[in-house]
Amino acid sequence: MSQATAVPEIYGAIRDIPDFPKPGILFKDITPLLLDAALFRRAIDLMAAPFRASGVTRVV
């Protein structure tokens, strides 16, 4: 899966919950993304990619 196809699929797995926890807040529910192991892995890989060449081995 390329980045061009993965990003819309990742965004599609994130639900908008309006007015939660209070009016005027748009809550982003990532539970559907967490339930799809392959898509979640792809999201993590895309976030980590810019840092792979810098030698980062851990994020605390």
N, C-alpha and C. Protein backbone atom coordinates (compact mmCIF):
# COMPACT_ATOMS: atom_id res chain seq x y z
N MET A 1 0.85 -1.18 0.00
CA MET A 1 0.00 0.00 0.00
C MET A 1 0.90 1.24 0.00
N SER A 2 0.67 2.12 -0.94
CA SER A 2 1.47 3.34 -1.02
C SER A 2 0.95 4.38 -0.04
N GLN A 3 1.77 5.40 0.18
CA GLN A 3 1.36 6.47 1.08
C GLN A 3 0.10 7.15 0.55
N ALA A 4 0.04 7.31 -0.78
CA ALA A 4 -1.11 7.99 -1.38
C ALA A 4 -2.41 7.24 -1.12
N THR A 5 -2.36 5.92 -1.04
CA THR A 5 -3.58 5.17 -0.76
C THR A 5 -3.78 4.93 0.73
N ALA A 6 -2.69 4.88 1.49
CA ALA A 6 -2.79 4.60 2.93
C ALA A 6 -3.38 5.77 3.70
N VAL A 7 -2.96 6.98 3.38
CA VAL A 7 -3.41 8.14 4.16
C VAL A 7 -4.93 8.31 4.12
N PRO A 8 -5.57 8.27 2.95
CA PRO A 8 -7.04 8.38 2.97
C PRO A 8 -7.70 7.23 3.73
N GLU A 9 -7.12 6.03 3.64
CA GLU A 9 -7.69 4.89 4.36
C GLU A 9 -7.54 5.08 5.87
N ILE A 10 -6.41 5.62 6.29
CA ILE A 10 -6.19 5.90 7.72
C ILE A 10 -7.18 6.95 8.20
N TYR A 11 -7.30 8.04 7.45
CA TYR A 11 -8.27 9.08 7.83
C TYR A 11 -9.69 8.52 7.86
N GLY A 12 -10.00 7.61 6.95
CA GLY A 12 -11.32 7.01 6.91
C GLY A 12 -11.63 6.15 8.13
N ALA A 13 -10.58 5.67 8.79
CA ALA A 13 -10.75 4.83 9.97
C ALA A 13 -10.88 5.64 11.26
N ILE A 14 -10.79 6.95 11.15
CA ILE A 14 -10.90 7.83 12.32
C ILE A 14 -12.28 8.49 12.29
N ARG A 15 -13.06 8.23 13.34
CA ARG A 15 -14.42 8.76 13.40
C ARG A 15 -14.46 10.13 14.07
N ASP A 16 -15.32 10.99 13.55
CA ASP A 16 -15.58 12.29 14.18
C ASP A 16 -16.78 12.15 15.10
N ILE A 17 -16.61 12.56 16.35
CA ILE A 17 -17.71 12.55 17.32
C ILE A 17 -17.95 14.01 17.72
N PRO A 18 -18.96 14.66 17.12
CA PRO A 18 -19.19 16.08 17.43
C PRO A 18 -19.71 16.28 18.84
N ASP A 19 -19.33 17.42 19.39
CA ASP A 19 -19.82 17.86 20.70
C ASP A 19 -19.48 16.88 21.83
N PHE A 20 -18.32 16.26 21.74
CA PHE A 20 -17.87 15.37 22.82
C PHE A 20 -16.47 15.79 23.23
N PRO A 21 -16.22 15.98 24.46
CA PRO A 21 -17.04 15.72 25.64
C PRO A 21 -17.98 16.87 25.99
N LYS A 22 -17.88 17.98 25.24
CA LYS A 22 -18.80 19.09 25.50
C LYS A 22 -19.07 19.80 24.18
N PRO A 23 -20.12 20.60 24.11
CA PRO A 23 -20.46 21.29 22.87
C PRO A 23 -19.28 22.10 22.33
N GLY A 24 -19.12 22.03 21.02
CA GLY A 24 -18.06 22.78 20.35
C GLY A 24 -16.77 22.00 20.16
N ILE A 25 -16.66 20.82 20.75
CA ILE A 25 -15.47 19.99 20.61
C ILE A 25 -15.75 18.90 19.58
N LEU A 26 -14.83 18.69 18.64
CA LEU A 26 -14.92 17.59 17.69
C LEU A 26 -13.90 16.54 18.10
N PHE A 27 -14.36 15.47 18.71
CA PHE A 27 -13.51 14.39 19.20
C PHE A 27 -13.16 13.46 18.06
N LYS A 28 -11.89 13.10 17.94
CA LYS A 28 -11.43 12.16 16.92
C LYS A 28 -11.25 10.80 17.58
N ASP A 29 -12.09 9.85 17.22
CA ASP A 29 -12.07 8.50 17.80
C ASP A 29 -11.19 7.60 16.94
N ILE A 30 -10.06 7.17 17.48
CA ILE A 30 -9.14 6.32 16.72
C ILE A 30 -9.37 4.82 16.99
N THR A 31 -10.42 4.48 17.74
CA THR A 31 -10.68 3.08 18.05
C THR A 31 -10.77 2.21 16.79
N PRO A 32 -11.49 2.63 15.74
CA PRO A 32 -11.53 1.78 14.54
C PRO A 32 -10.13 1.56 13.93
N LEU A 33 -9.27 2.54 14.00
CA LEU A 33 -7.90 2.39 13.50
C LEU A 33 -7.14 1.37 14.35
N LEU A 34 -7.31 1.44 15.66
CA LEU A 34 -6.62 0.50 16.55
C LEU A 34 -7.10 -0.93 16.35
N LEU A 35 -8.34 -1.10 15.93
CA LEU A 35 -8.89 -2.44 15.73
C LEU A 35 -8.41 -3.10 14.44
N ASP A 36 -7.86 -2.32 13.52
CA ASP A 36 -7.34 -2.85 12.26
C ASP A 36 -5.82 -2.89 12.36
N ALA A 37 -5.27 -4.03 12.75
CA ALA A 37 -3.84 -4.15 13.04
C ALA A 37 -2.96 -3.75 11.85
N ALA A 38 -3.32 -4.17 10.66
CA ALA A 38 -2.50 -3.87 9.48
C ALA A 38 -2.51 -2.37 9.18
N LEU A 39 -3.66 -1.76 9.27
CA LEU A 39 -3.76 -0.32 9.00
C LEU A 39 -3.07 0.49 10.10
N PHE A 40 -3.21 0.06 11.35
CA PHE A 40 -2.52 0.73 12.45
C PHE A 40 -1.01 0.65 12.26
N ARG A 41 -0.51 -0.51 11.86
CA ARG A 41 0.93 -0.68 11.61
C ARG A 41 1.38 0.26 10.50
N ARG A 42 0.57 0.39 9.46
CA ARG A 42 0.90 1.29 8.34
C ARG A 42 0.96 2.74 8.83
N ALA A 43 0.03 3.12 9.69
CA ALA A 43 0.02 4.48 10.24
C ALA A 43 1.29 4.74 11.04
N ILE A 44 1.70 3.77 11.86
CA ILE A 44 2.92 3.91 12.65
C ILE A 44 4.14 4.00 11.74
N ASP A 45 4.18 3.16 10.72
CA ASP A 45 5.30 3.19 9.77
C ASP A 45 5.41 4.55 9.08
N LEU A 46 4.27 5.12 8.68
CA LEU A 46 4.28 6.42 8.02
C LEU A 46 4.75 7.53 8.96
N MET A 47 4.36 7.45 10.23
CA MET A 47 4.80 8.47 11.19
C MET A 47 6.29 8.34 11.50
N ALA A 48 6.81 7.12 11.51
CA ALA A 48 8.21 6.89 11.85
C ALA A 48 9.16 7.12 10.69
N ALA A 49 8.68 7.01 9.46
CA ALA A 49 9.54 7.08 8.27
C ALA A 49 10.46 8.30 8.23
N PRO A 50 10.00 9.51 8.55
CA PRO A 50 10.90 10.66 8.46
C PRO A 50 12.08 10.60 9.44
N PHE A 51 11.99 9.77 10.45
CA PHE A 51 13.01 9.72 11.49
C PHE A 51 13.96 8.53 11.37
N ARG A 52 13.67 7.61 10.46
CA ARG A 52 14.48 6.39 10.35
C ARG A 52 15.95 6.70 10.04
N ALA A 53 16.22 7.64 9.18
CA ALA A 53 17.59 7.95 8.78
C ALA A 53 18.35 8.74 9.85
N SER A 54 17.65 9.27 10.84
CA SER A 54 18.31 10.11 11.85
C SER A 54 18.93 9.31 12.99
N GLY A 55 18.71 8.01 12.99
CA GLY A 55 19.31 7.17 14.02
C GLY A 55 18.49 7.04 15.29
N VAL A 56 17.28 7.59 15.31
CA VAL A 56 16.42 7.45 16.48
C VAL A 56 16.07 5.98 16.65
N THR A 57 16.25 5.47 17.85
CA THR A 57 15.92 4.07 18.12
C THR A 57 14.77 3.92 19.10
N ARG A 58 14.49 4.95 19.88
CA ARG A 58 13.40 4.88 20.86
C ARG A 58 12.76 6.26 21.05
N VAL A 59 11.49 6.23 21.32
CA VAL A 59 10.76 7.44 21.70
C VAL A 59 10.15 7.16 23.06
N VAL A 60 10.46 8.02 24.02
CA VAL A 60 9.99 7.80 25.39
C VAL A 60 8.97 8.86 25.74
